[in-house]
Amino acid sequence: MGDVLIYADTIRSPELRHEVPVAVGDPFLYVERDGVRHIVISTHEIPIISPAGEYVFHPPEEFGIDELRRTARSYAEMANEITVRAVKGLGVERATVPASFPLLTADKLRAAGVELNPDHGFFTDRRRVKTGAELAGIRRAQAAAGAGMAAAASLLRRSSADHQGVLELDGRPLTVEELKAAISGEFMANGASADEFVVSHGAQAAIGHHLGHGKIRASETIVIDLWPRDSESGCFADMSRTFVVGEVPDEIAEWHRLSVEAHELALAAVRPGITGRSLYDLACEVFEREGHLTQRTKIAGETAQDGFLFALGHGVGLEVHELPILGILGHDELVAGDVLAIEPGVYRGGFGGLRVEDLVLVTDDGYENLTHFPYDLAP
């Protein structure tokens, strides 16, 4: 195996968090050299990292940081010089790096004669099969998502329409903001968090990832798409449900029927060896049969708002969207250990949208559904 370099922190770098599965907020250097994993980091971080795996630690004093503290013009200059000295000192001449590797640091290393080869797929493939700790974190995050969804459904179930069709709860209009507060509270109670997530309704729900805002009306679709991150592992979950309070329009009922059919058809086909494109094609056939546009049938070069116009899903792990892709470009075969979000849906611009989404683990002989929440439109 060739040498590997990562310079990042483990909060924002999925590549590094996979190799060093603890939260470290400041960037540090990770080196794989001849199968040995080296970490260049200050001594006060070593007790945090050492229980997480087998590493050889190098405090920056080993590479002259005390001298650089007196002579460097800035912290960035000092950090880059320590990185260059460490990489050269460990004998690395060429290495694979993530696509997110810092450009200035890369320039300094290349100027010092180190060949760097950015390779997004190399690092993504490493993370396809989840570790036991990552899978446990995904399960916790998905439990948090389910708790958040249940909290939102409870508020919707208790609401009713006023004379203008606006949903009310306890004598006040029910808003997206109130639903989001309840969902966030459940995330926190279950050891997870999310910077943002989707609670969109009506015409907002026709816009893929519109985050949503404002008062909610009866008989419109309410799309809730949650992707909390487990605080311990840094891993994400992902799930969506669509609700309607009050009478369900026939068009929305038909969208729901088709989306659940496509979802169940694709889900039943999940197994190692099948491609993401094959699952996507199964879902497309359901929508195309009823005259809905898909990426397979839309006219090339023309934009469209109506139909099933997104991929069927994606991998989930240390990123909420990662390989494999379940879409037109989903050429990768599924492997046992993949975690997939499967999310068919239908949208009509200016009116609304609907999707259902489960998170599943690919097993040796099929799949395990990690999502336990009904698909019903009624909350």
Protein backbone atom coordinates (compact mmCIF):
# COMPACT_ATOMS: atom_id res chain seq x y z
CA MET A 1 0.00 0.00 0.00
CA GLY A 2 1.29 3.48 -0.83
CA ASP A 3 1.84 6.25 1.65
CA VAL A 4 -1.07 8.43 2.81
CA LEU A 5 -1.13 11.99 4.16
CA ILE A 6 -4.05 13.81 5.77
CA TYR A 7 -3.79 17.26 7.35
CA ALA A 8 -7.10 18.21 8.94
CA ASP A 9 -9.17 18.06 12.11
CA THR A 10 -11.51 15.17 12.83
CA ILE A 11 -14.62 17.34 13.20
CA ARG A 12 -14.74 18.46 9.57
CA SER A 13 -12.71 15.78 7.79
CA PRO A 14 -14.51 12.46 7.24
CA GLU A 15 -11.27 11.05 5.84
CA LEU A 16 -9.41 11.71 9.09
CA ARG A 17 -12.32 10.85 11.41
CA HIS A 18 -12.42 7.38 9.84
CA GLU A 19 -8.75 6.85 10.70
CA VAL A 20 -8.80 8.63 14.07
CA PRO A 21 -12.31 8.06 15.48
CA VAL A 22 -12.34 10.76 18.19
CA ALA A 23 -13.17 14.47 18.10
CA VAL A 24 -10.11 16.70 17.74
CA GLY A 25 -10.93 20.28 16.78
CA ASP A 26 -7.49 21.52 15.68
CA PRO A 27 -5.77 20.25 12.52
CA PHE A 28 -2.91 17.78 12.79
CA LEU A 29 -0.84 15.59 10.47
CA TYR A 30 -1.68 11.93 9.89
CA VAL A 31 0.83 9.80 7.95
CA GLU A 32 0.64 6.21 6.79
CA ARG A 33 4.13 5.00 5.91
CA ASP A 34 4.92 1.34 5.15
CA GLY A 35 1.75 0.27 6.94
CA VAL A 36 2.51 2.21 10.15
CA ARG A 37 0.19 5.00 11.23
CA HIS A 38 1.96 8.12 12.48
CA ILE A 39 0.39 11.20 14.08
CA VAL A 40 2.18 14.52 14.53
CA ILE A 41 0.33 16.38 17.26
CA SER A 42 0.88 18.31 20.46
CA THR A 43 1.39 16.21 23.58
CA HIS A 44 -1.81 17.34 25.30
CA GLU A 45 -3.91 15.72 22.53
CA ILE A 46 -2.13 12.35 22.69
CA PRO A 47 -4.10 11.01 25.70
CA ILE A 48 -7.32 11.77 23.80
CA ILE A 49 -6.27 9.88 20.69
CA SER A 50 -4.18 7.00 22.03
CA PRO A 51 -7.14 4.82 23.18
CA ALA A 52 -8.64 5.00 19.66
CA GLY A 53 -6.06 2.85 17.87
CA GLU A 54 -2.46 1.85 17.23
CA TYR A 55 -0.46 4.95 16.31
CA VAL A 56 3.10 6.20 16.58
CA PHE A 57 2.96 9.70 18.05
CA HIS A 58 5.40 12.48 17.21
CA PRO A 59 5.21 15.69 19.26
CA PRO A 60 6.14 18.76 17.18
CA GLU A 61 9.23 19.29 19.35
CA GLU A 62 10.70 16.36 17.41
CA PHE A 63 10.72 18.58 14.31
CA GLY A 64 11.96 21.83 15.85
CA ILE A 65 8.83 23.68 16.89
CA ASP A 66 10.64 25.56 19.67
CA GLU A 67 13.02 27.09 17.15
CA LEU A 68 10.13 27.95 14.81
CA ARG A 69 8.22 29.67 17.60
CA ARG A 70 11.11 32.16 17.71
CA THR A 71 11.71 32.54 13.98
CA ALA A 72 8.44 31.93 12.08
CA ARG A 73 6.48 34.97 10.94
CA SER A 74 3.05 33.44 11.60
CA TYR A 75 1.35 30.39 13.04
CA ALA A 76 0.49 29.20 9.51
CA GLU A 77 4.13 29.38 8.46
CA MET A 78 5.17 27.44 11.56
CA ALA A 79 2.49 24.76 11.03
CA ASN A 80 3.40 24.27 7.38
CA GLU A 81 7.12 24.06 8.15
CA ILE A 82 6.50 21.42 10.84
CA THR A 83 4.40 19.46 8.32
CA VAL A 84 7.15 19.59 5.69
CA ARG A 85 9.82 18.57 8.19
CA ALA A 86 7.69 15.71 9.53
CA VAL A 87 6.79 14.36 6.10
CA LYS A 88 10.40 14.47 4.96
CA GLY A 89 11.63 13.12 8.28
CA LEU A 90 9.31 10.12 8.03
CA GLY A 91 10.68 9.36 4.57
CA VAL A 92 7.56 10.11 2.53
CA GLU A 93 8.39 10.89 -1.10
CA ARG A 94 4.95 10.47 -2.67
CA ALA A 95 1.54 10.06 -1.07
CA THR A 96 -2.19 9.92 -1.70
CA VAL A 97 -4.12 12.80 -0.13
CA PRO A 98 -7.83 13.70 0.14
CA ALA A 99 -9.30 16.16 -2.36
CA SER A 100 -9.75 18.55 0.59
CA PHE A 101 -6.03 18.61 1.45
CA PRO A 102 -5.05 22.25 2.19
CA LEU A 103 -3.71 23.92 -0.95
CA LEU A 104 -1.04 26.02 0.77
CA THR A 105 0.29 23.00 2.65
CA ALA A 106 0.28 21.00 -0.59
CA ASP A 107 2.27 23.76 -2.32
CA LYS A 108 4.88 23.72 0.46
CA LEU A 109 5.22 19.93 0.30
CA ARG A 110 5.50 19.87 -3.47
CA ALA A 111 8.11 22.61 -3.36
CA ALA A 112 10.05 20.34 -0.99
CA GLY A 113 9.94 17.52 -3.54
CA VAL A 114 7.01 15.47 -2.17
CA GLU A 115 4.64 14.16 -4.84
CA LEU A 116 0.98 14.44 -3.81
CA ASN A 117 -1.86 12.64 -5.58
CA PRO A 118 -5.38 13.81 -4.61
CA ASP A 119 -7.83 10.91 -4.88
CA HIS A 120 -11.39 11.37 -3.62
CA GLY A 121 -12.44 7.83 -4.52
CA PHE A 122 -9.55 6.24 -2.61
CA PHE A 123 -10.72 7.69 0.68
CA THR A 124 -14.42 7.24 -0.02
CA ASP A 125 -13.88 3.55 -0.77
CA ARG A 126 -12.12 3.18 2.58
CA ARG A 127 -15.28 4.37 4.32
CA ARG A 128 -17.80 2.30 2.36
CA VAL A 129 -17.75 -0.60 4.82
CA LYS A 130 -18.57 0.89 8.20
CA THR A 131 -16.61 0.00 11.32
CA GLY A 132 -18.44 -1.32 14.33
CA ALA A 133 -18.12 2.05 16.08
CA GLU A 134 -19.38 3.92 13.02
CA LEU A 135 -22.36 1.62 12.60
CA ALA A 136 -23.24 2.01 16.28
CA GLY A 137 -23.10 5.78 15.82
CA ILE A 138 -25.33 5.62 12.75
CA ARG A 139 -27.87 3.57 14.71
CA ARG A 140 -27.85 6.16 17.51
CA ALA A 141 -28.23 9.00 15.03
CA GLN A 142 -31.12 7.22 13.33
CA ALA A 143 -32.81 6.70 16.67
CA ALA A 144 -32.45 10.44 17.26
CA ALA A 145 -33.98 11.10 13.84
CA GLY A 146 -36.91 8.84 14.65
CA ALA A 147 -37.46 10.61 17.97
CA GLY A 148 -37.41 13.96 16.21
CA MET A 149 -39.88 12.75 13.60
CA ALA A 150 -42.19 11.44 16.31
CA ALA A 151 -42.10 14.80 18.12
CA ALA A 152 -43.07 16.64 14.95
CA ALA A 153 -45.82 14.14 14.15
CA SER A 154 -47.24 14.57 17.65
CA LEU A 155 -47.54 18.34 17.23
CA LEU A 156 -49.13 17.94 13.81
CA ARG A 157 -51.56 15.32 15.13
CA ARG A 158 -52.72 17.69 17.87
CA SER A 159 -53.27 20.57 15.46
CA SER A 160 -56.41 21.54 13.56
CA ALA A 161 -57.29 24.03 10.84
CA ASP A 162 -58.74 27.45 11.60
CA HIS A 163 -61.39 29.06 9.37
CA GLN A 164 -58.68 30.10 6.88
CA GLY A 165 -57.10 26.66 6.67
CA VAL A 166 -54.05 27.52 8.79
CA LEU A 167 -53.07 24.87 11.33
CA GLU A 168 -53.42 25.89 14.96
CA LEU A 169 -52.14 24.31 18.14
CA ASP A 170 -53.29 25.48 21.57
CA GLY A 171 -54.85 28.59 20.06
CA ARG A 172 -51.82 29.77 18.06
CA PRO A 173 -50.64 29.11 14.50
CA LEU A 174 -48.43 26.05 14.19
CA THR A 175 -45.17 27.01 12.44
CA VAL A 176 -42.19 25.27 10.94
CA GLU A 177 -40.08 26.98 13.57
CA GLU A 178 -42.05 25.31 16.38
CA LEU A 179 -41.68 21.90 14.76
CA LYS A 180 -37.95 22.45 14.32
CA ALA A 181 -37.53 23.39 17.97
CA ALA A 182 -39.25 20.18 19.05
CA ILE A 183 -37.15 18.10 16.65
CA SER A 184 -33.89 19.71 17.79
CA GLY A 185 -34.79 19.02 21.40
CA GLU A 186 -35.14 15.32 20.64
CA PHE A 187 -31.82 15.31 18.82
CA MET A 188 -30.08 16.73 21.87
CA ALA A 189 -31.86 14.33 24.21
CA ASN A 190 -30.57 11.43 22.09
CA GLY A 191 -26.93 12.51 21.84
CA ALA A 192 -27.10 14.05 18.37
CA SER A 193 -27.37 17.45 16.73
CA ALA A 194 -27.95 19.10 13.35
CA ASP A 195 -27.03 22.53 12.08
CA GLU A 196 -30.14 22.47 9.88
CA PHE A 197 -32.73 20.14 8.43
CA VAL A 198 -35.85 20.29 6.28
CA VAL A 199 -39.37 21.01 7.45
CA SER A 200 -40.94 22.38 4.28
CA HIS A 201 -44.57 22.62 3.28
CA GLY A 202 -46.75 23.53 0.33
CA ALA A 203 -44.82 25.07 -2.56
CA GLN A 204 -41.62 25.01 -0.48
CA ALA A 205 -41.75 21.21 -0.53
CA ALA A 206 -41.45 21.20 -4.32
CA ILE A 207 -37.92 22.61 -3.98
CA GLY A 208 -35.63 19.67 -3.16
CA HIS A 209 -33.83 20.82 -0.02
CA HIS A 210 -35.79 23.97 0.84
CA LEU A 211 -35.35 24.18 4.62
CA GLY A 212 -38.85 25.56 5.18
CA HIS A 213 -40.37 28.35 7.23
CA GLY A 214 -43.64 29.89 8.35
CA LYS A 215 -47.21 28.86 9.08
CA ILE A 216 -48.48 25.47 7.89
CA ARG A 217 -51.82 24.88 6.17
CA ALA A 218 -54.21 21.95 6.15
CA SER A 219 -54.19 19.57 3.14
CA GLU A 220 -50.69 20.55 1.96
CA THR A 221 -47.68 18.28 2.03
CA ILE A 222 -45.26 18.71 4.93
CA VAL A 223 -41.90 17.15 4.07
CA ILE A 224 -39.61 16.48 7.05
CA ASP A 225 -36.09 15.41 6.15
CA LEU A 226 -33.74 14.84 9.10
CA TRP A 227 -30.02 14.11 9.10
CA PRO A 228 -28.74 14.38 12.69
CA ARG A 229 -25.09 13.68 13.53
CA ASP A 230 -24.18 11.40 16.40
CA SER A 231 -22.04 13.36 18.85
CA GLU A 232 -19.81 10.45 19.85
CA SER A 233 -18.91 8.98 16.44
CA GLY A 234 -19.45 11.94 14.12
CA CYS A 235 -21.66 9.74 11.91
CA PHE A 236 -24.91 10.85 10.32
CA ALA A 237 -28.34 9.34 9.81
CA ASP A 238 -30.95 10.33 7.22
CA MET A 239 -34.70 9.85 7.00
CA SER A 240 -37.71 11.62 5.48
CA ARG A 241 -41.44 11.41 5.90
CA THR A 242 -44.30 13.41 4.41
CA PHE A 243 -47.42 14.36 6.34
CA VAL A 244 -50.76 15.93 5.48
CA VAL A 245 -53.10 17.25 8.17
CA GLY A 246 -56.77 17.14 7.13
CA GLU A 247 -58.19 15.99 3.83
CA VAL A 248 -55.61 14.51 1.46
CA PRO A 249 -55.95 15.69 -2.16
CA ASP A 250 -56.20 12.87 -4.70
CA GLU A 251 -52.99 13.95 -6.45
CA ILE A 252 -50.99 13.76 -3.23
CA ALA A 253 -52.51 10.39 -2.34
CA GLU A 254 -51.38 9.09 -5.75
CA TRP A 255 -47.87 10.51 -5.26
CA HIS A 256 -47.68 8.73 -1.94
CA ARG A 257 -48.84 5.42 -3.40
CA LEU A 258 -46.23 5.56 -6.16
CA SER A 259 -43.42 6.67 -3.83
CA VAL A 260 -44.07 3.84 -1.37
CA GLU A 261 -44.30 1.35 -4.26
CA ALA A 262 -40.99 2.56 -5.72
CA HIS A 263 -39.41 2.54 -2.28
CA GLU A 264 -40.48 -1.01 -1.49
CA LEU A 265 -39.44 -2.26 -4.94
CA ALA A 266 -35.97 -0.78 -4.64
CA LEU A 267 -35.61 -1.89 -1.03
CA ALA A 268 -36.44 -5.48 -1.86
CA ALA A 269 -33.65 -5.53 -4.46
CA VAL A 270 -30.89 -4.30 -2.11
CA ARG A 271 -28.08 -6.83 -1.84
CA PRO A 272 -24.31 -6.99 -2.38
CA GLY A 273 -23.38 -6.91 -6.06
CA ILE A 274 -26.31 -4.89 -7.40
CA THR A 275 -25.47 -1.43 -8.66
CA GLY A 276 -26.95 1.84 -7.49
CA ARG A 277 -28.07 2.45 -11.08
CA SER A 278 -30.08 -0.77 -11.06
CA LEU A 279 -31.99 0.30 -7.95
CA TYR A 280 -32.61 3.73 -9.48
CA ASP A 281 -33.94 2.15 -12.68
CA LEU A 282 -36.44 0.09 -10.68
CA ALA A 283 -37.81 3.24 -9.06
CA CYS A 284 -37.92 5.16 -12.35
CA GLU A 285 -40.04 2.47 -13.95
CA VAL A 286 -42.75 3.00 -11.32
CA PHE A 287 -42.97 6.76 -11.93
CA GLU A 288 -42.55 6.60 -15.70
CA ARG A 289 -45.37 4.06 -15.92
CA GLU A 290 -47.73 6.76 -14.62
CA GLY A 291 -46.35 9.51 -16.88
CA HIS A 292 -44.01 11.26 -14.45
CA LEU A 293 -40.73 12.65 -15.74
CA THR A 294 -37.46 11.21 -14.47
CA GLN A 295 -33.83 12.00 -15.24
CA ARG A 296 -34.05 9.14 -17.76
CA THR A 297 -36.95 10.67 -19.70
CA LYS A 298 -36.53 14.45 -19.41
CA ILE A 299 -35.33 16.24 -22.56
CA ALA A 300 -31.60 16.85 -22.45
CA GLY A 301 -30.74 20.49 -21.83
CA GLU A 302 -34.20 21.43 -20.60
CA THR A 303 -34.91 22.18 -16.95
CA ALA A 304 -37.89 20.57 -15.27
CA GLN A 305 -39.65 20.91 -11.92
CA ASP A 306 -42.27 18.19 -12.04
CA GLY A 307 -41.76 14.48 -11.50
CA PHE A 308 -39.14 12.22 -9.93
CA LEU A 309 -36.13 14.30 -10.91
CA PHE A 310 -33.57 13.41 -8.27
CA ALA A 311 -31.41 10.35 -7.65
CA LEU A 312 -33.00 7.55 -5.63
CA GLY A 313 -30.50 7.90 -2.81
CA HIS A 314 -26.92 7.81 -1.60
CA GLY A 315 -24.52 6.42 0.93
CA VAL A 316 -24.48 7.79 4.48
CA GLY A 317 -21.74 7.70 7.09
CA LEU A 318 -19.22 10.31 8.16
CA GLU A 319 -20.83 12.46 5.46
CA VAL A 320 -24.56 12.68 4.99
CA HIS A 321 -24.10 12.33 1.22
CA GLU A 322 -21.37 9.93 0.15
CA LEU A 323 -20.85 6.99 -2.18
CA PRO A 324 -22.44 4.88 -3.44
CA ILE A 325 -24.84 6.95 -5.53
CA LEU A 326 -28.22 5.43 -6.37
CA GLY A 327 -28.73 7.24 -9.65
CA ILE A 328 -27.77 7.49 -13.30
CA LEU A 329 -24.08 7.59 -12.33
CA GLY A 330 -24.45 4.83 -9.75
CA HIS A 331 -22.04 2.39 -11.37
CA ASP A 332 -20.57 1.04 -8.11
CA GLU A 333 -21.77 -2.34 -6.90
CA LEU A 334 -23.14 -2.41 -3.37
CA VAL A 335 -21.04 -4.16 -0.75
CA ALA A 336 -21.95 -5.57 2.64
CA GLY A 337 -21.38 -2.76 5.12
CA ASP A 338 -22.70 0.04 2.91
CA VAL A 339 -25.31 2.25 4.58
CA LEU A 340 -27.82 3.70 2.12
CA ALA A 341 -30.53 6.33 2.17
CA ILE A 342 -33.33 5.34 -0.25
CA GLU A 343 -35.67 8.28 -0.94
CA PRO A 344 -38.05 8.26 -3.93
CA GLY A 345 -40.54 11.09 -4.31
CA VAL A 346 -42.64 13.24 -6.62
CA TYR A 347 -42.67 17.03 -6.96
CA ARG A 348 -44.75 19.66 -8.77
CA GLY A 349 -43.37 23.17 -8.95
CA GLY A 350 -45.42 25.81 -7.18
CA PHE A 351 -47.62 23.20 -5.52
CA GLY A 352 -45.74 20.71 -3.38
CA GLY A 353 -43.63 17.62 -3.07
CA LEU A 354 -43.53 14.27 -1.32
CA ARG A 355 -40.85 11.74 -0.45
CA VAL A 356 -40.27 8.81 1.85
CA GLU A 357 -36.77 7.88 2.97
CA ASP A 358 -35.35 5.02 4.97
CA LEU A 359 -31.78 4.26 6.02
CA VAL A 360 -30.67 0.69 5.39
CA LEU A 361 -27.57 -1.40 6.01
CA VAL A 362 -26.44 -3.73 3.23
CA THR A 363 -25.85 -7.19 4.73
CA ASP A 364 -24.22 -10.32 3.33
CA ASP A 365 -27.53 -11.57 1.93
CA GLY A 366 -29.73 -8.47 1.63
CA TYR A 367 -30.36 -5.55 3.94
CA GLU A 368 -31.40 -4.43 7.40
CA ASN A 369 -33.75 -1.48 7.63
CA LEU A 370 -32.44 0.89 10.31
CA THR A 371 -35.56 3.07 10.13
CA HIS A 372 -38.62 2.27 12.22
CA PHE A 373 -41.34 4.79 11.46
CA PRO A 374 -44.60 4.37 9.50
CA TYR A 375 -45.00 5.80 6.00
CA ASP A 376 -48.55 7.09 6.61
CA LEU A 377 -49.49 10.57 5.41
CA ALA A 378 -51.56 11.05 8.55
CA PRO A 379 -49.21 12.14 11.39
